[in-house]
Amino acid sequence: MALALTLSTEALGILNQRGLPVLALIAVKFAVCVTKWAIRHRTRRALATLEPWQLRDVGLTPEQAETEAARAFWNA
């Protein structure tokens, strides 16, 4: 996920240098924001379905996973 966020930041920088119209830049930033939210929602939903042994593999306790899965998608 970090790579996707880095690429989107780099892409925004490139688009901003090209002098896009303000409305187009706002639309791109909105699309990036919605994409981040969708990724968070999908990964937190998947985290909630993991078995305890899978959580141990990624270094989380079931309580930590439950807390993270319960967070709203707009919270980083």
Protein backbone atom coordinates (compact mmCIF):
# COMPACT_ATOMS: atom_id res chain seq x y z
CA MET A 1 0.00 0.00 0.00
CA ALA A 2 2.86 2.38 0.74
CA LEU A 3 4.09 2.02 -2.82
CA ALA A 4 0.67 2.91 -4.22
CA LEU A 5 0.49 6.01 -2.02
CA THR A 6 4.03 7.05 -3.02
CA LEU A 7 3.28 6.63 -6.69
CA SER A 8 0.12 8.68 -6.40
CA THR A 9 2.02 11.49 -4.67
CA GLU A 10 4.67 11.44 -7.39
CA ALA A 11 1.98 11.41 -10.07
CA LEU A 12 0.27 14.42 -8.49
CA GLY A 13 3.58 16.27 -8.50
CA ILE A 14 4.06 15.58 -12.20
CA LEU A 15 0.51 16.60 -13.03
CA ASN A 16 0.88 19.78 -11.02
CA GLN A 17 4.07 20.73 -12.93
CA ARG A 18 2.26 20.47 -16.25
CA GLY A 19 -0.11 23.26 -15.31
CA LEU A 20 -3.38 21.36 -15.31
CA PRO A 21 -6.55 23.37 -14.88
CA VAL A 22 -7.56 23.71 -11.24
CA LEU A 23 -10.71 21.63 -11.68
CA ALA A 24 -8.74 18.77 -13.23
CA LEU A 25 -6.21 18.83 -10.39
CA ILE A 26 -9.03 18.77 -7.83
CA ALA A 27 -10.62 15.81 -9.64
CA VAL A 28 -7.33 13.88 -9.59
CA LYS A 29 -6.78 14.61 -5.89
CA PHE A 30 -10.34 13.48 -5.17
CA ALA A 31 -9.76 10.24 -7.10
CA VAL A 32 -6.56 9.58 -5.14
CA CYS A 33 -8.39 10.17 -1.85
CA VAL A 34 -11.24 7.81 -2.78
CA THR A 35 -8.72 5.18 -3.88
CA LYS A 36 -6.92 5.38 -0.52
CA TRP A 37 -10.24 5.00 1.28
CA ALA A 38 -11.16 1.97 -0.83
CA ILE A 39 -7.81 0.30 -0.11
CA ARG A 40 -8.20 0.90 3.64
CA HIS A 41 -11.76 -0.43 3.62
CA ARG A 42 -10.82 -3.55 1.68
CA THR A 43 -7.71 -4.36 3.77
CA ARG A 44 -9.46 -3.77 7.10
CA ARG A 45 -12.35 -5.98 6.03
CA ALA A 46 -9.86 -8.70 5.04
CA LEU A 47 -8.00 -8.28 8.33
CA ALA A 48 -11.20 -9.01 10.23
CA THR A 49 -11.48 -12.42 8.54
CA LEU A 50 -7.98 -13.70 9.35
CA GLU A 51 -7.54 -16.68 11.64
CA PRO A 52 -5.45 -16.32 14.84
CA TRP A 53 -2.53 -18.25 13.32
CA GLN A 54 -2.53 -15.92 10.31
CA LEU A 55 -2.51 -12.89 12.59
CA ARG A 56 0.50 -14.32 14.44
CA ASP A 57 2.26 -14.64 11.08
CA VAL A 58 1.87 -10.90 10.49
CA GLY A 59 2.70 -10.02 14.10
CA LEU A 60 -0.74 -8.99 15.35
CA THR A 61 -2.84 -10.17 18.23
CA PRO A 62 -6.54 -10.81 17.64
CA GLU A 63 -7.31 -7.74 19.78
CA GLN A 64 -5.06 -5.52 17.66
CA ALA A 65 -6.63 -6.84 14.48
CA GLU A 66 -10.12 -6.27 15.84
CA THR A 67 -9.26 -2.70 16.83
CA GLU A 68 -7.77 -1.95 13.41
CA ALA A 69 -10.64 -3.61 11.54
CA ALA A 70 -13.16 -1.54 13.50
CA ARG A 71 -11.58 1.77 12.44
CA ALA A 72 -13.39 3.85 9.87
CA PHE A 73 -11.91 3.85 6.36
CA TRP A 74 -11.22 7.58 6.45
CA ASN A 75 -8.96 7.21 9.51
CA ALA A 76 -5.36 6.60 8.52
